[in-house]
N, C-alpha and C. Protein backbone atom coordinates (compact mmCIF):
# COMPACT_ATOMS: atom_id res chain seq x y z
N MET A 1 349.33 150.41 292.89
CA MET A 1 349.77 151.73 292.51
C MET A 1 350.96 151.66 291.55
N GLU A 2 351.84 150.67 291.77
CA GLU A 2 352.99 150.54 290.90
C GLU A 2 352.56 150.26 289.46
N ALA A 3 351.55 149.41 289.28
CA ALA A 3 351.06 149.10 287.93
C ALA A 3 350.50 150.34 287.26
N PHE A 4 349.77 151.15 288.02
CA PHE A 4 349.22 152.39 287.46
C PHE A 4 350.34 153.35 287.06
N LYS A 5 351.40 153.39 287.82
CA LYS A 5 352.52 154.27 287.51
C LYS A 5 353.22 153.85 286.21
N ARG A 6 353.22 152.54 285.93
CA ARG A 6 353.88 152.03 284.72
C ARG A 6 352.95 152.08 283.51
N SER A 7 351.70 152.41 283.73
CA SER A 7 350.72 152.41 282.66
C SER A 7 350.46 153.85 282.20
N SER A 8 349.64 153.96 281.17
CA SER A 8 349.27 155.29 280.70
C SER A 8 347.81 155.26 280.27
N LEU A 9 347.17 156.40 280.34
CA LEU A 9 345.78 156.50 279.90
C LEU A 9 345.69 156.14 278.42
N GLU A 10 346.65 156.57 277.63
CA GLU A 10 346.64 156.26 276.20
C GLU A 10 346.70 154.76 275.96
N GLY A 11 347.54 154.05 276.72
CA GLY A 11 347.65 152.60 276.58
C GLY A 11 346.34 151.91 276.93
N MET A 12 345.70 152.36 278.01
CA MET A 12 344.43 151.77 278.41
C MET A 12 343.35 152.01 277.35
N LEU A 13 343.29 153.21 276.83
CA LEU A 13 342.31 153.53 275.79
C LEU A 13 342.57 152.72 274.52
N ASN A 14 343.84 152.54 274.16
CA ASN A 14 344.16 151.75 272.97
C ASN A 14 343.70 150.31 273.11
N TYR A 15 343.78 149.77 274.33
CA TYR A 15 343.28 148.41 274.56
C TYR A 15 341.79 148.34 274.22
N TYR A 16 341.01 149.30 274.73
CA TYR A 16 339.57 149.29 274.48
C TYR A 16 339.26 149.56 273.01
N LYS A 17 340.01 150.44 272.39
CA LYS A 17 339.79 150.71 270.96
C LYS A 17 340.01 149.45 270.13
N ALA A 18 341.00 148.66 270.49
CA ALA A 18 341.32 147.45 269.73
C ALA A 18 340.33 146.32 270.00
N ASN A 19 339.71 146.32 271.16
CA ASN A 19 338.88 145.18 271.55
C ASN A 19 337.39 145.48 271.68
N TYR A 20 337.00 146.72 271.59
CA TYR A 20 335.59 147.07 271.75
C TYR A 20 334.87 146.89 270.42
N PRO A 21 333.68 146.30 270.45
CA PRO A 21 332.98 146.07 269.17
C PRO A 21 332.62 147.38 268.47
N ARG A 22 332.62 147.31 267.17
CA ARG A 22 332.27 148.48 266.35
C ARG A 22 330.95 148.22 265.64
N GLU A 23 330.33 149.28 265.19
CA GLU A 23 329.08 149.14 264.44
C GLU A 23 329.35 148.35 263.17
N PRO A 24 328.44 147.57 262.68
CA PRO A 24 327.13 147.31 263.28
C PRO A 24 327.28 146.35 264.45
N TYR A 25 326.61 146.66 265.56
CA TYR A 25 326.69 145.83 266.75
C TYR A 25 325.80 144.61 266.57
N LYS A 26 326.41 143.46 266.41
CA LYS A 26 325.63 142.23 266.28
C LYS A 26 326.42 141.08 266.87
N LEU A 27 325.70 140.09 267.31
CA LEU A 27 326.35 138.91 267.87
C LEU A 27 326.99 138.09 266.76
N PRO A 28 328.06 137.39 267.07
CA PRO A 28 328.67 136.52 266.06
C PRO A 28 327.65 135.47 265.61
N GLU A 29 327.80 135.01 264.39
CA GLU A 29 326.89 134.00 263.87
C GLU A 29 326.96 132.72 264.69
N ASP A 30 328.15 132.31 265.04
CA ASP A 30 328.32 131.15 265.91
C ASP A 30 328.31 131.64 267.35
N GLU A 31 327.34 131.19 268.11
CA GLU A 31 327.27 131.62 269.50
C GLU A 31 328.46 131.06 270.27
N PRO A 32 329.14 131.89 271.05
CA PRO A 32 330.29 131.40 271.81
C PRO A 32 329.85 130.37 272.84
N PRO A 33 330.76 129.49 273.23
CA PRO A 33 330.39 128.49 274.23
C PRO A 33 330.06 129.16 275.56
N LYS A 34 329.16 128.54 276.30
CA LYS A 34 328.78 129.08 277.60
C LYS A 34 329.84 128.73 278.64
N VAL A 35 329.96 129.58 279.64
CA VAL A 35 330.85 129.33 280.77
C VAL A 35 330.30 128.14 281.54
N LYS A 36 331.14 127.17 281.83
CA LYS A 36 330.69 125.90 282.39
C LYS A 36 330.88 125.79 283.90
N CYS A 37 331.24 126.86 284.55
CA CYS A 37 331.45 126.81 286.00
C CYS A 37 330.64 127.93 286.66
N PRO A 38 330.40 127.82 287.97
CA PRO A 38 329.71 128.90 288.67
C PRO A 38 330.50 130.20 288.56
N VAL A 39 329.79 131.32 288.54
CA VAL A 39 330.42 132.63 288.36
C VAL A 39 330.00 133.57 289.48
N LEU A 40 330.96 134.28 290.02
CA LEU A 40 330.71 135.37 290.96
C LEU A 40 331.01 136.66 290.22
N MET A 41 330.03 137.56 290.16
CA MET A 41 330.23 138.85 289.51
C MET A 41 329.98 139.94 290.56
N ILE A 42 330.94 140.83 290.71
CA ILE A 42 330.82 141.93 291.66
C ILE A 42 330.86 143.21 290.84
N HIS A 43 329.83 144.04 291.00
CA HIS A 43 329.68 145.23 290.16
C HIS A 43 329.44 146.46 291.03
N GLY A 44 330.24 147.49 290.80
CA GLY A 44 330.03 148.77 291.47
C GLY A 44 328.97 149.58 290.74
N LEU A 45 327.92 149.96 291.44
CA LEU A 45 326.81 150.65 290.78
C LEU A 45 327.12 152.11 290.41
N LYS A 46 328.26 152.63 290.88
CA LYS A 46 328.67 153.98 290.46
C LYS A 46 329.64 153.93 289.28
N ASP A 47 329.85 152.74 288.73
CA ASP A 47 330.74 152.56 287.59
C ASP A 47 330.20 153.34 286.40
N ARG A 48 331.04 154.22 285.85
CA ARG A 48 330.62 155.03 284.70
C ARG A 48 331.08 154.42 283.38
N ALA A 49 331.89 153.37 283.44
CA ALA A 49 332.35 152.70 282.23
C ALA A 49 331.46 151.50 281.90
N LEU A 50 331.12 150.73 282.91
CA LEU A 50 330.25 149.57 282.74
C LEU A 50 328.95 149.87 283.49
N LEU A 51 327.97 150.36 282.79
CA LEU A 51 326.72 150.78 283.41
C LEU A 51 325.91 149.58 283.88
N PRO A 52 325.02 149.77 284.87
CA PRO A 52 324.23 148.65 285.38
C PRO A 52 323.46 147.89 284.29
N GLY A 53 323.03 148.56 283.25
CA GLY A 53 322.33 147.89 282.16
C GLY A 53 323.16 146.81 281.48
N ALA A 54 324.48 146.90 281.60
CA ALA A 54 325.35 145.89 281.00
C ALA A 54 325.21 144.54 281.70
N LEU A 55 324.57 144.52 282.87
CA LEU A 55 324.37 143.27 283.59
C LEU A 55 323.21 142.46 283.00
N ASN A 56 322.36 143.12 282.22
CA ASN A 56 321.18 142.45 281.68
C ASN A 56 321.57 141.21 280.88
N ASP A 57 320.93 140.11 281.19
CA ASP A 57 321.07 138.84 280.47
C ASP A 57 322.46 138.21 280.56
N THR A 58 323.28 138.66 281.47
CA THR A 58 324.61 138.06 281.64
C THR A 58 324.50 136.55 281.83
N TRP A 59 323.48 136.14 282.55
CA TRP A 59 323.27 134.73 282.87
C TRP A 59 323.02 133.87 281.64
N ARG A 60 322.66 134.47 280.53
CA ARG A 60 322.43 133.69 279.31
C ARG A 60 323.71 133.01 278.82
N TRP A 61 324.84 133.49 279.24
CA TRP A 61 326.13 132.97 278.77
C TRP A 61 326.71 131.93 279.71
N LEU A 62 325.91 131.50 280.70
CA LEU A 62 326.40 130.58 281.73
C LEU A 62 325.60 129.30 281.74
N GLU A 63 326.28 128.19 282.04
CA GLU A 63 325.60 126.92 282.25
C GLU A 63 325.36 126.65 283.72
N LYS A 64 326.08 127.32 284.57
CA LYS A 64 325.98 127.10 286.02
C LYS A 64 325.43 128.36 286.69
N ASP A 65 325.50 128.37 288.01
CA ASP A 65 324.95 129.47 288.80
C ASP A 65 325.72 130.77 288.61
N LEU A 66 324.97 131.87 288.68
CA LEU A 66 325.56 133.21 288.71
C LEU A 66 325.21 133.82 290.06
N THR A 67 326.23 134.26 290.77
CA THR A 67 326.04 135.04 291.98
C THR A 67 326.42 136.47 291.64
N LEU A 68 325.46 137.35 291.69
CA LEU A 68 325.67 138.76 291.35
C LEU A 68 325.60 139.60 292.61
N VAL A 69 326.67 140.33 292.88
CA VAL A 69 326.74 141.22 294.03
C VAL A 69 326.93 142.63 293.50
N THR A 70 326.02 143.52 293.83
CA THR A 70 326.16 144.92 293.43
C THR A 70 326.49 145.76 294.66
N LEU A 71 327.42 146.67 294.49
CA LEU A 71 327.86 147.53 295.58
C LEU A 71 327.53 148.98 295.22
N PRO A 72 326.52 149.57 295.87
CA PRO A 72 326.06 150.91 295.51
C PRO A 72 327.12 152.00 295.62
N GLY A 73 328.07 151.87 296.55
CA GLY A 73 329.05 152.93 296.74
C GLY A 73 330.33 152.77 295.94
N ALA A 74 330.44 151.71 295.15
CA ALA A 74 331.69 151.41 294.44
C ALA A 74 331.62 151.85 292.99
N ASP A 75 332.78 152.23 292.46
CA ASP A 75 332.92 152.69 291.07
C ASP A 75 333.55 151.55 290.25
N HIS A 76 334.26 151.89 289.19
CA HIS A 76 334.82 150.92 288.26
C HIS A 76 335.84 149.99 288.92
N PHE A 77 336.65 150.52 289.81
CA PHE A 77 337.67 149.72 290.49
C PHE A 77 337.11 149.25 291.83
N VAL A 78 336.11 148.39 291.74
CA VAL A 78 335.35 147.95 292.91
C VAL A 78 336.28 147.30 293.94
N GLN A 79 337.31 146.62 293.49
CA GLN A 79 338.23 145.95 294.42
C GLN A 79 339.01 146.94 295.26
N GLN A 80 339.11 148.18 294.82
CA GLN A 80 339.77 149.20 295.63
C GLN A 80 338.75 150.04 296.39
N ASP A 81 337.61 150.30 295.77
CA ASP A 81 336.58 151.13 296.41
C ASP A 81 335.95 150.43 297.60
N ALA A 82 335.87 149.12 297.56
CA ALA A 82 335.24 148.34 298.63
C ALA A 82 336.07 147.09 298.91
N ALA A 83 337.35 147.29 299.17
CA ALA A 83 338.30 146.17 299.29
C ALA A 83 337.87 145.13 300.31
N GLU A 84 337.47 145.55 301.49
CA GLU A 84 337.09 144.58 302.53
C GLU A 84 335.87 143.78 302.12
N THR A 85 334.87 144.45 301.56
CA THR A 85 333.65 143.77 301.14
C THR A 85 333.95 142.79 300.01
N VAL A 86 334.75 143.20 299.04
CA VAL A 86 335.10 142.32 297.92
C VAL A 86 335.87 141.11 298.43
N THR A 87 336.84 141.32 299.29
CA THR A 87 337.64 140.21 299.83
C THR A 87 336.75 139.24 300.58
N ARG A 88 335.90 139.75 301.45
CA ARG A 88 335.00 138.89 302.23
C ARG A 88 334.04 138.13 301.30
N THR A 89 333.49 138.83 300.31
CA THR A 89 332.54 138.20 299.38
C THR A 89 333.20 137.08 298.59
N VAL A 90 334.38 137.32 298.05
CA VAL A 90 335.09 136.30 297.27
C VAL A 90 335.45 135.12 298.16
N ARG A 91 335.97 135.39 299.34
CA ARG A 91 336.35 134.31 300.26
C ARG A 91 335.14 133.44 300.62
N ASP A 92 334.04 134.09 300.99
CA ASP A 92 332.83 133.34 301.38
C ASP A 92 332.24 132.57 300.21
N TRP A 93 332.25 133.19 299.03
CA TRP A 93 331.71 132.53 297.83
C TRP A 93 332.54 131.29 297.50
N LEU A 94 333.86 131.43 297.54
CA LEU A 94 334.72 130.28 297.25
C LEU A 94 334.52 129.17 298.28
N ARG A 95 334.38 129.54 299.53
CA ARG A 95 334.14 128.55 300.58
C ARG A 95 332.83 127.80 300.29
N THR A 96 331.81 128.53 299.91
CA THR A 96 330.51 127.92 299.58
C THR A 96 330.64 126.97 298.39
N GLN A 97 331.39 127.36 297.38
CA GLN A 97 331.57 126.52 296.20
C GLN A 97 332.31 125.24 296.53
N LEU A 98 333.26 125.31 297.42
CA LEU A 98 334.02 124.12 297.81
C LEU A 98 333.17 123.13 298.60
N LEU A 99 332.13 123.63 299.27
CA LEU A 99 331.27 122.76 300.07
C LEU A 99 330.19 122.07 299.24
N LYS A 100 330.02 122.48 297.99
CA LYS A 100 328.98 121.89 297.14
C LYS A 100 329.39 120.52 296.64
């Protein structure tokens, strides 16, 4: 809550304006390197900023395993909307990765 109090909607929007791709939407000529470690992705299905379609082909950018967890009742701030589930999921996933 303290971070939100020190922030502003204008500042958050400016971040996205500076970093969001502009038309024409195309991939860079040089494909970026793939992520070389296992990835845990947790996505709230009520997220209105990052729609479920944005998950399509995420795995193409990875060399290792992708664990995708979708939470139907969570919005954009999934770590707050489903804090216990996110904490348990991250803890269990990390434990599993350490045992490999």
